[in-house]
Structure formats: C-alpha cells, structure tokens
Amino acid sequence: MNIDPHIQWLVRALEKVPGIFTHSSCEGHHNPKEGQLEWGKFVVDFSVSYDEIGWEALERVTCFISGWRAVIDENISLIAWYDDGLRWSLEGEYADKDQIDALAEIVEEMEFNSNLDKR
C-alpha cells in the first residue's frame, strides 16, 4: 500500500496496535480537488476487531488523542462511520510533519494491557 510520507510513521504505528486494521490514509493536498483534504489536514481510516482487544484499541486511540492535545495545539477527532461494518477515521490538523511524528511517537509509546497481551 502506498502511504503518503508525512503520515507514514503514524499509519505504521497504528498498524502495530493489536486490534487495529488501517484501510486508507491521506496527508492532505497542496492543490486539493473536490472531495480531497487540503494541506495541513490528515486522515487515517481504520477498523477494529470485534472483541475485547478491539475495544482496548479504541480506548488507546482516545488516550493518544488526549496526549496529542496535551503536546500539540491542533484539532484532532475520532469519527465513527459505517461502510459494510463499523469504521473509524482519525482526522486532524497539523502545521508540519514533526507534529504528526509526535503523534506517531505517542502511539508507539503506549503500553498494552498485560492481561490481553498474555492471550
């Protein structure tokens, strides 16, 4: 899968979280066409497994959203939608690649629930 360079680390970090499965992503476009994100905005679409691990994955997403807001003063949202199953979009704004890298680092540093990891 071809991943935009500004959000590559973030997508790879999310893919390492047990229960998360990424589907698409975009770092925004300098000259967006209709329906495209403008530069300075990003999105990562994903689904989660329908079990305890998937619910923990969503809990982690909300935790690193809080971490992002504590470090970076930019908007970020988690949006639920339905497309032949429940999907999620992590959408945000950024001023430069370093801010997205900071979010990826927060994701990678999150600890996993030891009870679920022992399965």
PDB file of N, CA and C in Angstrom:
ATOM      1  N   MET A   1       0.848  -1.177   0.000  1.00  0.00           N
ATOM      2  CA  MET A   1       0.000   0.000   0.000  1.00  0.00           C
ATOM      3  C   MET A   1       0.895   1.241   0.000  1.00  0.00           C
ATOM      4  N   ASN A   2       0.575   2.199  -0.833  1.00  0.00           N
ATOM      5  CA  ASN A   2       1.309   3.454  -0.932  1.00  0.00           C
ATOM      6  C   ASN A   2       0.797   4.415   0.148  1.00  0.00           C
ATOM      7  N   ILE A   3       1.679   4.857   1.024  1.00  0.00           N
ATOM      8  CA  ILE A   3       1.301   5.740   2.126  1.00  0.00           C
ATOM      9  C   ILE A   3       2.010   7.073   1.955  1.00  0.00           C
ATOM     10  N   ASP A   4       1.259   8.163   2.085  1.00  0.00           N
ATOM     11  CA  ASP A   4       1.851   9.499   1.987  1.00  0.00           C
ATOM     12  C   ASP A   4       2.970   9.643   3.016  1.00  0.00           C
ATOM     13  N   PRO A   5       4.079  10.270   2.619  1.00  0.00           N
ATOM     14  CA  PRO A   5       5.256  10.305   3.500  1.00  0.00           C
ATOM     15  C   PRO A   5       5.054  11.031   4.831  1.00  0.00           C
ATOM     16  N   HIS A   6       4.225  12.060   4.879  1.00  0.00           N
ATOM     17  CA  HIS A   6       4.053  12.802   6.128  1.00  0.00           C
ATOM     18  C   HIS A   6       3.338  11.993   7.205  1.00  0.00           C
ATOM     19  N   ILE A   7       2.517  11.023   6.805  1.00  0.00           N
ATOM     20  CA  ILE A   7       1.777  10.248   7.807  1.00  0.00           C
ATOM     21  C   ILE A   7       2.193   8.782   7.843  1.00  0.00           C
ATOM     22  N   GLN A   8       3.253   8.434   7.154  1.00  0.00           N
ATOM     23  CA  GLN A   8       3.685   7.045   7.092  1.00  0.00           C
ATOM     24  C   GLN A   8       3.986   6.475   8.481  1.00  0.00           C
ATOM     25  N   TRP A   9       4.735   7.199   9.303  1.00  0.00           N
ATOM     26  CA  TRP A   9       5.075   6.715  10.638  1.00  0.00           C
ATOM     27  C   TRP A   9       3.807   6.510  11.472  1.00  0.00           C
ATOM     28  N   LEU A  10       2.854   7.444  11.383  1.00  0.00           N
ATOM     29  CA  LEU A  10       1.608   7.327  12.136  1.00  0.00           C
ATOM     30  C   LEU A  10       0.829   6.084  11.707  1.00  0.00           C
ATOM     31  N   VAL A  11       0.696   5.858  10.407  1.00  0.00           N
ATOM     32  CA  VAL A  11      -0.040   4.688   9.919  1.00  0.00           C
ATOM     33  C   VAL A  11       0.638   3.408  10.390  1.00  0.00           C
ATOM     34  N   ARG A  12       1.956   3.338  10.274  1.00  0.00           N
ATOM     35  CA  ARG A  12       2.694   2.139  10.711  1.00  0.00           C
ATOM     36  C   ARG A  12       2.559   1.922  12.220  1.00  0.00           C
ATOM     37  N   ALA A  13       2.554   3.014  12.996  1.00  0.00           N
ATOM     38  CA  ALA A  13       2.391   2.892  14.447  1.00  0.00           C
ATOM     39  C   ALA A  13       1.001   2.362  14.788  1.00  0.00           C
ATOM     40  N   LEU A  14      -0.028   2.862  14.106  1.00  0.00           N
ATOM     41  CA  LEU A  14      -1.385   2.367  14.345  1.00  0.00           C
ATOM     42  C   LEU A  14      -1.512   0.895  13.986  1.00  0.00           C
ATOM     43  N   GLU A  15      -0.847   0.485  12.915  1.00  0.00           N
ATOM     44  CA  GLU A  15      -0.913  -0.918  12.487  1.00  0.00           C
ATOM     45  C   GLU A  15      -0.280  -1.861  13.504  1.00  0.00           C
ATOM     46  N   LYS A  16       0.576  -1.351  14.366  1.00  0.00           N
ATOM     47  CA  LYS A  16       1.208  -2.168  15.400  1.00  0.00           C
ATOM     48  C   LYS A  16       0.317  -2.357  16.628  1.00  0.00           C
ATOM     49  N   VAL A  17      -0.741  -1.563  16.746  1.00  0.00           N
ATOM     50  CA  VAL A  17      -1.645  -1.684  17.890  1.00  0.00           C
ATOM     51  C   VAL A  17      -2.535  -2.905  17.667  1.00  0.00           C
ATOM     52  N   PRO A  18      -2.500  -3.877  18.573  1.00  0.00           N
ATOM     53  CA  PRO A  18      -3.360  -5.053  18.418  1.00  0.00           C
ATOM     54  C   PRO A  18      -4.825  -4.641  18.286  1.00  0.00           C
ATOM     55  N   GLY A  19      -5.496  -5.204  17.290  1.00  0.00           N
ATOM     56  CA  GLY A  19      -6.919  -4.935  17.088  1.00  0.00           C
ATOM     57  C   GLY A  19      -7.224  -3.843  16.097  1.00  0.00           C
ATOM     58  N   ILE A  20      -6.216  -3.089  15.621  1.00  0.00           N
ATOM     59  CA  ILE A  20      -6.445  -2.019  14.643  1.00  0.00           C
ATOM     60  C   ILE A  20      -5.992  -2.482  13.267  1.00  0.00           C
ATOM     61  N   PHE A  21      -6.832  -2.193  12.272  1.00  0.00           N
ATOM     62  CA  PHE A  21      -6.535  -2.535  10.883  1.00  0.00           C
ATOM     63  C   PHE A  21      -6.766  -1.289  10.021  1.00  0.00           C
ATOM     64  N   THR A  22      -5.683  -0.679   9.523  1.00  0.00           N
ATOM     65  CA  THR A  22      -5.821   0.535   8.714  1.00  0.00           C
ATOM     66  C   THR A  22      -6.291   0.177   7.312  1.00  0.00           C
ATOM     67  N   HIS A  23      -7.046   1.113   6.698  1.00  0.00           N
ATOM     68  CA  HIS A  23      -7.591   0.883   5.360  1.00  0.00           C
ATOM     69  C   HIS A  23      -7.138   1.931   4.352  1.00  0.00           C
ATOM     70  N   SER A  24      -7.086   3.176   4.783  1.00  0.00           N
ATOM     71  CA  SER A  24      -6.650   4.245   3.885  1.00  0.00           C
ATOM     72  C   SER A  24      -6.162   5.418   4.720  1.00  0.00           C
ATOM     73  N   SER A  25      -5.446   6.316   4.061  1.00  0.00           N
ATOM     74  CA  SER A  25      -4.911   7.483   4.769  1.00  0.00           C
ATOM     75  C   SER A  25      -4.611   8.584   3.755  1.00  0.00           C
ATOM     76  N   CYS A  26      -4.494   9.817   4.253  1.00  0.00           N
ATOM     77  CA  CYS A  26      -4.156  10.956   3.403  1.00  0.00           C
ATOM     78  C   CYS A  26      -3.513  12.037   4.263  1.00  0.00           C
ATOM     79  N   GLU A  27      -2.448  12.645   3.757  1.00  0.00           N
ATOM     80  CA  GLU A  27      -1.785  13.739   4.467  1.00  0.00           C
ATOM     81  C   GLU A  27      -2.257  15.108   4.007  1.00  0.00           C
ATOM     82  N   GLY A  28      -3.176  15.157   3.058  1.00  0.00           N
ATOM     83  CA  GLY A  28      -3.667  16.419   2.516  1.00  0.00           C
ATOM     84  C   GLY A  28      -2.950  16.779   1.228  1.00  0.00           C
ATOM     85  N   HIS A  29      -3.523  17.701   0.485  1.00  0.00           N
ATOM     86  CA  HIS A  29      -3.010  18.086  -0.836  1.00  0.00           C
ATOM     87  C   HIS A  29      -2.790  19.596  -0.893  1.00  0.00           C
ATOM     88  N   HIS A  30      -1.710  19.991  -1.571  1.00  0.00           N
ATOM     89  CA  HIS A  30      -1.439  21.425  -1.741  1.00  0.00           C
ATOM     90  C   HIS A  30      -2.488  22.103  -2.614  1.00  0.00           C
ATOM     91  N   ASN A  31      -2.957  21.421  -3.621  1.00  0.00           N
ATOM     92  CA  ASN A  31      -3.999  21.942  -4.507  1.00  0.00           C
ATOM     93  C   ASN A  31      -5.138  20.925  -4.567  1.00  0.00           C
ATOM     94  N   PRO A  32      -5.937  20.847  -3.498  1.00  0.00           N
ATOM     95  CA  PRO A  32      -6.946  19.791  -3.428  1.00  0.00           C
ATOM     96  C   PRO A  32      -8.056  19.963  -4.465  1.00  0.00           C
ATOM     97  N   LYS A  33      -8.464  18.819  -4.996  1.00  0.00           N
ATOM     98  CA  LYS A  33      -9.636  18.788  -5.866  1.00  0.00           C
ATOM     99  C   LYS A  33     -10.848  18.562  -4.979  1.00  0.00           C
ATOM    100  N   GLU A  34     -12.021  18.655  -5.551  1.00  0.00           N
ATOM    101  CA  GLU A  34     -13.237  18.457  -4.773  1.00  0.00           C
ATOM    102  C   GLU A  34     -13.214  17.089  -4.092  1.00  0.00           C
ATOM    103  N   GLY A  35     -13.506  17.068  -2.814  1.00  0.00           N
ATOM    104  CA  GLY A  35     -13.531  15.836  -2.052  1.00  0.00           C
ATOM    105  C   GLY A  35     -12.189  15.446  -1.454  1.00  0.00           C
ATOM    106  N   GLN A  36     -11.117  16.209  -1.743  1.00  0.00           N
ATOM    107  CA  GLN A  36      -9.801  15.913  -1.185  1.00  0.00           C
ATOM    108  C   GLN A  36      -9.515  16.836   0.011  1.00  0.00           C
ATOM    109  N   LEU A  37      -8.679  16.329   0.916  1.00  0.00           N
ATOM    110  CA  LEU A  37      -8.260  17.138   2.059  1.00  0.00           C
ATOM    111  C   LEU A  37      -7.272  18.205   1.618  1.00  0.00           C
ATOM    112  N   GLU A  38      -7.368  19.351   2.250  1.00  0.00           N
ATOM    113  CA  GLU A  38      -6.389  20.395   1.971  1.00  0.00           C
ATOM    114  C   GLU A  38      -5.126  20.138   2.779  1.00  0.00           C
ATOM    115  N   TRP A  39      -4.015  20.726   2.331  1.00  0.00           N
ATOM    116  CA  TRP A  39      -2.736  20.585   3.024  1.00  0.00           C
ATOM    117  C   TRP A  39      -2.885  21.097   4.453  1.00  0.00           C
ATOM    118  N   GLY A  40      -2.291  20.393   5.399  1.00  0.00           N
ATOM    119  CA  GLY A  40      -2.399  20.760   6.808  1.00  0.00           C
ATOM    120  C   GLY A  40      -3.443  19.942   7.543  1.00  0.00           C
ATOM    121  N   LYS A  41      -4.107  19.024   6.816  1.00  0.00           N
ATOM    122  CA  LYS A  41      -5.073  18.114   7.431  1.00  0.00           C
ATOM    123  C   LYS A  41      -4.682  16.693   7.071  1.00  0.00           C
ATOM    124  N   PHE A  42      -5.003  15.756   7.967  1.00  0.00           N
ATOM    125  CA  PHE A  42      -4.716  14.348   7.685  1.00  0.00           C
ATOM    126  C   PHE A  42      -5.889  13.484   8.127  1.00  0.00           C
ATOM    127  N   VAL A  43      -5.931  12.269   7.591  1.00  0.00           N
ATOM    128  CA  VAL A  43      -6.927  11.283   7.997  1.00  0.00           C
ATOM    129  C   VAL A  43      -6.321   9.889   7.875  1.00  0.00           C
ATOM    130  N   VAL A  44      -6.653   9.033   8.832  1.00  0.00           N
ATOM    131  CA  VAL A  44      -6.327   7.607   8.759  1.00  0.00           C
ATOM    132  C   VAL A  44      -7.620   6.863   9.057  1.00  0.00           C
ATOM    133  N   ASP A  45      -8.083   6.069   8.092  1.00  0.00           N
ATOM    134  CA  ASP A  45      -9.289   5.267   8.264  1.00  0.00           C
ATOM    135  C   ASP A  45      -8.893   3.866   8.714  1.00  0.00           C
ATOM    136  N   PHE A  46      -9.630   3.333   9.694  1.00  0.00           N
ATOM    137  CA  PHE A  46      -9.300   2.011  10.205  1.00  0.00           C
ATOM    138  C   PHE A  46     -10.541   1.322  10.761  1.00  0.00           C
ATOM    139  N   SER A  47     -10.417   0.038  10.984  1.00  0.00           N
ATOM    140  CA  SER A  47     -11.435  -0.724  11.697  1.00  0.00           C
ATOM    141  C   SER A  47     -10.747  -1.391  12.880  1.00  0.00           C
ATOM    142  N   VAL A  48     -11.553  -1.930  13.779  1.00  0.00           N
ATOM    143  CA  VAL A  48     -11.003  -2.658  14.922  1.00  0.00           C
ATOM    144  C   VAL A  48     -11.661  -4.029  14.990  1.00  0.00           C
ATOM    145  N   SER A  49     -10.989  -4.967  15.620  1.00  0.00           N
ATOM    146  CA  SER A  49     -11.564  -6.297  15.791  1.00  0.00           C
ATOM    147  C   SER A  49     -12.764  -6.192  16.730  1.00  0.00           C
ATOM    148  N   TYR A  50     -13.751  -7.053  16.512  1.00  0.00           N
ATOM    149  CA  TYR A  50     -14.971  -7.036  17.316  1.00  0.00           C
ATOM    150  C   TYR A  50     -14.817  -7.940  18.535  1.00  0.00           C
ATOM    151  N   ASP A  51     -13.908  -7.550  19.405  1.00  0.00           N
ATOM    152  CA  ASP A  51     -13.656  -8.303  20.626  1.00  0.00           C
ATOM    153  C   ASP A  51     -13.030  -7.367  21.657  1.00  0.00           C
ATOM    154  N   GLU A  52     -12.619  -7.912  22.774  1.00  0.00           N
ATOM    155  CA  GLU A  52     -12.045  -7.102  23.860  1.00  0.00           C
ATOM    156  C   GLU A  52     -10.784  -6.363  23.392  1.00  0.00           C
ATOM    157  N   ILE A  53     -10.008  -6.991  22.535  1.00  0.00           N
ATOM    158  CA  ILE A  53      -8.783  -6.359  22.032  1.00  0.00           C
ATOM    159  C   ILE A  53      -9.129  -5.134  21.184  1.00  0.00           C
ATOM    160  N   GLY A  54     -10.177  -5.241  20.369  1.00  0.00           N
ATOM    161  CA  GLY A  54     -10.610  -4.100  19.560  1.00  0.00           C
ATOM    162  C   GLY A  54     -11.102  -2.943  20.403  1.00  0.00           C
ATOM    163  N   TRP A  55     -11.842  -3.253  21.466  1.00  0.00           N
ATOM    164  CA  TRP A  55     -12.314  -2.188  22.355  1.00  0.00           C
ATOM    165  C   TRP A  55     -11.152  -1.524  23.078  1.00  0.00           C
ATOM    166  N   GLU A  56     -10.152  -2.320  23.472  1.00  0.00           N
ATOM    167  CA  GLU A  56      -8.980  -1.728  24.098  1.00  0.00           C
ATOM    168  C   GLU A  56      -8.241  -0.836  23.093  1.00  0.00           C
ATOM    169  N   ALA A  57      -8.200  -1.265  21.829  1.00  0.00           N
ATOM    170  CA  ALA A  57      -7.550  -0.453  20.792  1.00  0.00           C
ATOM    171  C   ALA A  57      -8.227   0.914  20.685  1.00  0.00           C
ATOM    172  N   LEU A  58      -9.552   0.944  20.710  1.00  0.00           N
ATOM    173  CA  LEU A  58     -10.264   2.225  20.669  1.00  0.00           C
ATOM    174  C   LEU A  58      -9.962   3.064  21.897  1.00  0.00           C
ATOM    175  N   GLU A  59      -9.861   2.411  23.047  1.00  0.00           N
ATOM    176  CA  GLU A  59      -9.506   3.132  24.267  1.00  0.00           C
ATOM    177  C   GLU A  59      -8.127   3.775  24.114  1.00  0.00           C
ATOM    178  N   ARG A  60      -7.200   3.044  23.516  1.00  0.00           N
ATOM    179  CA  ARG A  60      -5.859   3.584  23.287  1.00  0.00           C
ATOM    180  C   ARG A  60      -5.896   4.784  22.352  1.00  0.00           C
ATOM    181  N   VAL A  61      -6.719   4.685  21.308  1.00  0.00           N
ATOM    182  CA  VAL A  61      -6.831   5.806  20.368  1.00  0.00           C
ATOM    183  C   VAL A  61      -7.282   7.051  21.115  1.00  0.00           C
ATOM    184  N   THR A  62      -8.285   6.919  21.977  1.00  0.00           N
ATOM    185  CA  THR A  62      -8.742   8.098  22.717  1.00  0.00           C
ATOM    186  C   THR A  62      -7.665   8.609  23.663  1.00  0.00           C
ATOM    187  N   CYS A  63      -6.849   7.706  24.211  1.00  0.00           N
ATOM    188  CA  CYS A  63      -5.754   8.141  25.082  1.00  0.00           C
ATOM    189  C   CYS A  63      -4.695   8.912  24.310  1.00  0.00           C
ATOM    190  N   PHE A  64      -4.325   8.439  23.114  1.00  0.00           N
ATOM    191  CA  PHE A  64      -3.286   9.206  22.422  1.00  0.00           C
ATOM    192  C   PHE A  64      -3.836  10.469  21.787  1.00  0.00           C
ATOM    193  N   ILE A  65      -5.154  10.539  21.567  1.00  0.00           N
ATOM    194  CA  ILE A  65      -5.752  11.818  21.173  1.00  0.00           C
ATOM    195  C   ILE A  65      -5.553  12.822  22.309  1.00  0.00           C
ATOM    196  N   SER A  66      -5.773  12.380  23.547  1.00  0.00           N
ATOM    197  CA  SER A  66      -5.545  13.258  24.706  1.00  0.00           C
ATOM    198  C   SER A  66      -4.080  13.660  24.797  1.00  0.00           C
ATOM    199  N   GLY A  67      -3.173  12.702  24.529  1.00  0.00           N
ATOM    200  CA  GLY A  67      -1.743  13.002  24.539  1.00  0.00           C
ATOM    201  C   GLY A  67      -1.374  14.025  23.482  1.00  0.00           C
ATOM    202  N   TRP A  68      -1.951  13.894  22.304  1.00  0.00           N
ATOM    203  CA  TRP A  68      -1.716  14.839  21.199  1.00  0.00           C
ATOM    204  C   TRP A  68      -2.169  16.234  21.616  1.00  0.00           C
ATOM    205  N   ARG A  69      -3.363  16.312  22.194  1.00  0.00           N
ATOM    206  CA  ARG A  69      -3.890  17.621  22.595  1.00  0.00           C
ATOM    207  C   ARG A  69      -3.042  18.252  23.689  1.00  0.00           C
ATOM    208  N   ALA A  70      -2.426  17.431  24.522  1.00  0.00           N
ATOM    209  CA  ALA A  70      -1.569  17.965  25.582  1.00  0.00           C
ATOM    210  C   ALA A  70      -0.251  18.502  25.025  1.00  0.00           C
ATOM    211  N   VAL A  71       0.216  17.932  23.904  1.00  0.00           N
ATOM    212  CA  VAL A  71       1.512  18.313  23.336  1.00  0.00           C
ATOM    213  C   VAL A  71       1.366  19.294  22.175  1.00  0.00           C
ATOM    214  N   ILE A  72       0.404  19.040  21.303  1.00  0.00           N
ATOM    215  CA  ILE A  72       0.226  19.828  20.081  1.00  0.00           C
ATOM    216  C   ILE A  72      -1.115  20.543  20.161  1.00  0.00           C
ATOM    217  N   ASP A  73      -1.114  21.830  19.923  1.00  0.00           N
ATOM    218  CA  ASP A  73      -2.354  22.600  19.987  1.00  0.00           C
ATOM    219  C   ASP A  73      -3.011  22.628  18.607  1.00  0.00           C
ATOM    220  N   GLU A  74      -3.428  21.468  18.123  1.00  0.00           N
ATOM    221  CA  GLU A  74      -4.109  21.353  16.832  1.00  0.00           C
ATOM    222  C   GLU A  74      -5.335  20.468  17.020  1.00  0.00           C
ATOM    223  N   ASN A  75      -6.300  20.609  16.129  1.00  0.00           N
ATOM    224  CA  ASN A  75      -7.520  19.816  16.200  1.00  0.00           C
ATOM    225  C   ASN A  75      -7.261  18.366  15.809  1.00  0.00           C
ATOM    226  N   ILE A  76      -7.952  17.463  16.488  1.00  0.00           N
ATOM    227  CA  ILE A  76      -7.919  16.044  16.148  1.00  0.00           C
ATOM    228  C   ILE A  76      -9.244  15.434  16.587  1.00  0.00           C
ATOM    229  N   SER A  77      -9.771  14.498  15.776  1.00  0.00           N
ATOM    230  CA  SER A  77     -11.070  13.899  16.051  1.00  0.00           C
ATOM    231  C   SER A  77     -11.055  12.420  15.718  1.00  0.00           C
ATOM    232  N   LEU A  78     -11.914  11.681  16.386  1.00  0.00           N
ATOM    233  CA  LEU A  78     -12.175  10.288  16.072  1.00  0.00           C
ATOM    234  C   LEU A  78     -13.629  10.212  15.643  1.00  0.00           C
ATOM    235  N   ILE A  79     -13.862   9.763  14.421  1.00  0.00           N
ATOM    236  CA  ILE A  79     -15.209   9.759  13.855  1.00  0.00           C
ATOM    237  C   ILE A  79     -15.592   8.323  13.503  1.00  0.00           C
ATOM    238  N   ALA A  80     -16.766   7.899  13.952  1.00  0.00           N
ATOM    239  CA  ALA A  80     -17.289   6.577  13.601  1.00  0.00           C
ATOM    240  C   ALA A  80     -18.171   6.706  12.368  1.00  0.00           C
ATOM    241  N   TRP A  81     -18.094   5.706  11.479  1.00  0.00           N
ATOM    242  CA  TRP A  81     -18.955   5.668  10.302  1.00  0.00           C
ATOM    243  C   TRP A  81     -19.167   4.223   9.890  1.00  0.00           C
ATOM    244  N   TYR A  82     -20.142   3.994   9.037  1.00  0.00           N
ATOM    245  CA  TYR A  82     -20.488   2.637   8.650  1.00  0.00           C
ATOM    246  C   TYR A  82     -20.269   2.447   7.155  1.00  0.00           C
ATOM    247  N   ASP A  83     -19.523   1.407   6.799  1.00  0.00           N
ATOM    248  CA  ASP A  83     -19.301   1.023   5.406  1.00  0.00           C
ATOM    249  C   ASP A  83     -19.113  -0.491   5.391  1.00  0.00           C
ATOM    250  N   ASP A  84     -20.218  -1.219   5.307  1.00  0.00           N
ATOM    251  CA  ASP A  84     -20.190  -2.681   5.384  1.00  0.00           C
ATOM    252  C   ASP A  84     -19.500  -3.136   6.670  1.00  0.00           C
ATOM    253  N   GLY A  85     -19.732  -2.419   7.725  1.00  0.00           N
ATOM    254  CA  GLY A  85     -19.124  -2.666   9.026  1.00  0.00           C
ATOM    255  C   GLY A  85     -18.724  -1.342   9.643  1.00  0.00           C
ATOM    256  N   LEU A  86     -18.522  -1.342  10.929  1.00  0.00           N
ATOM    257  CA  LEU A  86     -18.156  -0.120  11.634  1.00  0.00           C
ATOM    258  C   LEU A  86     -16.711   0.243  11.319  1.00  0.00           C
ATOM    259  N   ARG A  87     -16.493   1.487  10.908  1.00  0.00           N
ATOM    260  CA  ARG A  87     -15.158   2.001  10.608  1.00  0.00           C
ATOM    261  C   ARG A  87     -14.940   3.263  11.437  1.00  0.00           C
ATOM    262  N   TRP A  88     -13.676   3.659  11.506  1.00  0.00           N
ATOM    263  CA  TRP A  88     -13.286   4.836  12.274  1.00  0.00           C
ATOM    264  C   TRP A  88     -12.344   5.685  11.442  1.00  0.00           C
ATOM    265  N   SER A  89     -12.436   6.994  11.602  1.00  0.00           N
ATOM    266  CA  SER A  89     -11.499   7.918  10.965  1.00  0.00           C
ATOM    267  C   SER A  89     -10.836   8.750  12.051  1.00  0.00           C
ATOM    268  N   LEU A  90      -9.509   8.753  12.039  1.00  0.00           N
ATOM    269  CA  LEU A  90      -8.739   9.640  12.893  1.00  0.00           C
ATOM    270  C   LEU A  90      -8.369  10.820  12.005  1.00  0.00           C
ATOM    271  N   GLU A  91      -8.937  11.977  12.282  1.00  0.00           N
ATOM    272  CA  GLU A  91      -8.730  13.161  11.455  1.00  0.00           C
ATOM    273  C   GLU A  91      -8.110  14.265  12.297  1.00  0.00           C
ATOM    274  N   GLY A  92      -7.180  14.994  11.698  1.00  0.00           N
ATOM    275  CA  GLY A  92      -6.542  16.062  12.444  1.00  0.00           C
ATOM    276  C   GLY A  92      -5.945  17.122  11.555  1.00  0.00           C
ATOM    277  N   GLU A  93      -5.413  18.125  12.195  1.00  0.00           N
ATOM    278  CA  GLU A  93      -4.731  19.226  11.519  1.00  0.00           C
ATOM    279  C   GLU A  93      -3.298  19.282  12.014  1.00  0.00           C
ATOM    280  N   TYR A  94      -2.408  19.758  11.155  1.00  0.00           N
ATOM    281  CA  TYR A  94      -1.004  19.871  11.553  1.00  0.00           C
ATOM    282  C   TYR A  94      -0.363  21.047  10.823  1.00  0.00           C
ATOM    283  N   ALA A  95       0.665  21.603  11.467  1.00  0.00           N
ATOM    284  CA  ALA A  95       1.408  22.708  10.864  1.00  0.00           C
ATOM    285  C   ALA A  95       2.634  22.187  10.121  1.00  0.00           C
ATOM    286  N   ASP A  96       3.215  21.082  10.618  1.00  0.00           N
ATOM    287  CA  ASP A  96       4.369  20.487   9.944  1.00  0.00           C
ATOM    288  C   ASP A  96       4.459  19.007  10.289  1.00  0.00           C
ATOM    289  N   LYS A  97       5.302  18.291   9.556  1.00  0.00           N
ATOM    290  CA  LYS A  97       5.443  16.844   9.716  1.00  0.00           C
ATOM    291  C   LYS A  97       5.853  16.460  11.131  1.00  0.00           C
ATOM    292  N   ASP A  98       6.610  17.296  11.809  1.00  0.00           N
ATOM    293  CA  ASP A  98       7.050  16.986  13.171  1.00  0.00           C
ATOM    294  C   ASP A  98       5.870  16.756  14.107  1.00  0.00           C
ATOM    295  N   GLN A  99       4.764  17.463  13.869  1.00  0.00           N
ATOM    296  CA  GLN A  99       3.595  17.278  14.728  1.00  0.00           C
ATOM    297  C   GLN A  99       2.976  15.900  14.516  1.00  0.00           C
ATOM    298  N   ILE A 100       2.893  15.433  13.285  1.00  0.00           N
ATOM    299  CA  ILE A 100       2.362  14.089  13.030  1.00  0.00           C
ATOM    300  C   ILE A 100       3.319  13.046  13.580  1.00  0.00           C
ATOM    301  N   ASP A 101       4.613  13.276  13.436  1.00  0.00           N
ATOM    302  CA  ASP A 101       5.596  12.352  14.006  1.00  0.00           C
ATOM    303  C   ASP A 101       5.462  12.278  15.523  1.00  0.00           C
ATOM    304  N   ALA A 102       5.140  13.402  16.168  1.00  0.00           N
ATOM    305  CA  ALA A 102       4.934  13.403  17.621  1.00  0.00           C
ATOM    306  C   ALA A 102       3.740  12.519  17.986  1.00  0.00           C
ATOM    307  N   LEU A 103       2.682  12.553  17.178  1.00  0.00           N
ATOM    308  CA  LEU A 103       1.523  11.692  17.418  1.00  0.00           C
ATOM    309  C   LEU A 103       1.910  10.231  17.232  1.00  0.00           C
ATOM    310  N   ALA A 104       2.665   9.917  16.184  1.00  0.00           N
ATOM    311  CA  ALA A 104       3.123   8.540  15.960  1.00  0.00           C
ATOM    312  C   ALA A 104       3.956   8.051  17.141  1.00  0.00           C
ATOM    313  N   GLU A 105       4.786   8.928  17.671  1.00  0.00           N
ATOM    314  CA  GLU A 105       5.614   8.560  18.823  1.00  0.00           C
ATOM    315  C   GLU A 105       4.751   8.272  20.055  1.00  0.00           C
ATOM    316  N   ILE A 106       3.702   9.072  20.257  1.00  0.00           N
ATOM    317  CA  ILE A 106       2.771   8.830  21.363  1.00  0.00           C
ATOM    318  C   ILE A 106       2.121   7.461  21.205  1.00  0.00           C
ATOM    319  N   VAL A 107       1.711   7.126  19.980  1.00  0.00           N
ATOM    320  CA  VAL A 107       1.084   5.823  19.724  1.00  0.00           C
ATOM    321  C   VAL A 107       2.064   4.695  20.040  1.00  0.00           C
ATOM    322  N   GLU A 108       3.292   4.817  19.579  1.00  0.00           N
ATOM    323  CA  GLU A 108       4.277   3.759  19.800  1.00  0.00           C
ATOM    324  C   GLU A 108       4.653   3.592  21.267  1.00  0.00           C
ATOM    325  N   GLU A 109       4.572   4.661  22.053  1.00  0.00           N
ATOM    326  CA  GLU A 109       4.971   4.594  23.459  1.00  0.00           C
ATOM    327  C   GLU A 109       3.866   4.099  24.384  1.00  0.00           C
ATOM    328  N   MET A 110       2.637   3.961  23.866  1.00  0.00           N
ATOM    329  CA  MET A 110       1.541   3.499  24.712  1.00  0.00           C
ATOM    330  C   MET A 110       1.781   2.070  25.151  1.00  0.00           C
ATOM    331  N   GLU A 111       1.506   1.801  26.400  1.00  0.00           N
ATOM    332  CA  GLU A 111       1.659   0.443  26.924  1.00  0.00           C
ATOM    333  C   GLU A 111       0.395  -0.348  26.680  1.00  0.00           C
ATOM    334  N   PHE A 112       0.568  -1.640  26.455  1.00  0.00           N
ATOM    335  CA  PHE A 112      -0.562  -2.515  26.217  1.00  0.00           C
ATOM    336  C   PHE A 112      -1.023  -3.135  27.518  1.00  0.00           C
ATOM    337  N   ASN A 113      -2.306  -3.451  27.591  1.00  0.00           N
ATOM    338  CA  ASN A 113      -2.872  -4.114  28.761  1.00  0.00           C
ATOM    339  C   ASN A 113      -2.254  -5.485  28.890  1.00  0.00           C
ATOM    340  N   SER A 114      -1.567  -5.744  29.978  1.00  0.00           N
ATOM    341  CA  SER A 114      -0.841  -7.000  30.148  1.00  0.00           C
ATOM    342  C   SER A 114      -1.755  -8.216  30.107  1.00  0.00           C
ATOM    343  N   ASN A 115      -3.008  -8.091  30.546  1.00  0.00           N
ATOM    344  CA  ASN A 115      -3.922  -9.229  30.514  1.00  0.00           C
ATOM    345  C   ASN A 115      -4.237  -9.643  29.083  1.00  0.00           C
ATOM    346  N   LEU A 116      -4.390  -8.693  28.182  1.00  0.00           N
ATOM    347  CA  LEU A 116      -4.690  -9.030  26.795  1.00  0.00           C
ATOM    348  C   LEU A 116      -3.457  -9.524  26.069  1.00  0.00           C
ATOM    349  N   ASP A 117      -2.282  -9.019  26.414  1.00  0.00           N
ATOM    350  CA  ASP A 117      -1.060  -9.449  25.754  1.00  0.00           C
ATOM    351  C   ASP A 117      -0.704 -10.899  26.065  1.00  0.00           C
ATOM    352  N   LYS A 118      -1.210 -11.435  27.167  1.00  0.00           N
ATOM    353  CA  LYS A 118      -0.877 -12.806  27.567  1.00  0.00           C
ATOM    354  C   LYS A 118      -1.690 -13.845  26.826  1.00  0.00           C
ATOM    355  N   ARG A 119      -2.665 -13.409  26.028  1.00  0.00           N
ATOM    356  CA  ARG A 119      -3.513 -14.364  25.300  1.00  0.00           C
ATOM    357  C   ARG A 119      -2.784 -14.976  24.141  1.00  0.00           C
TER     358      ARG A 119
END
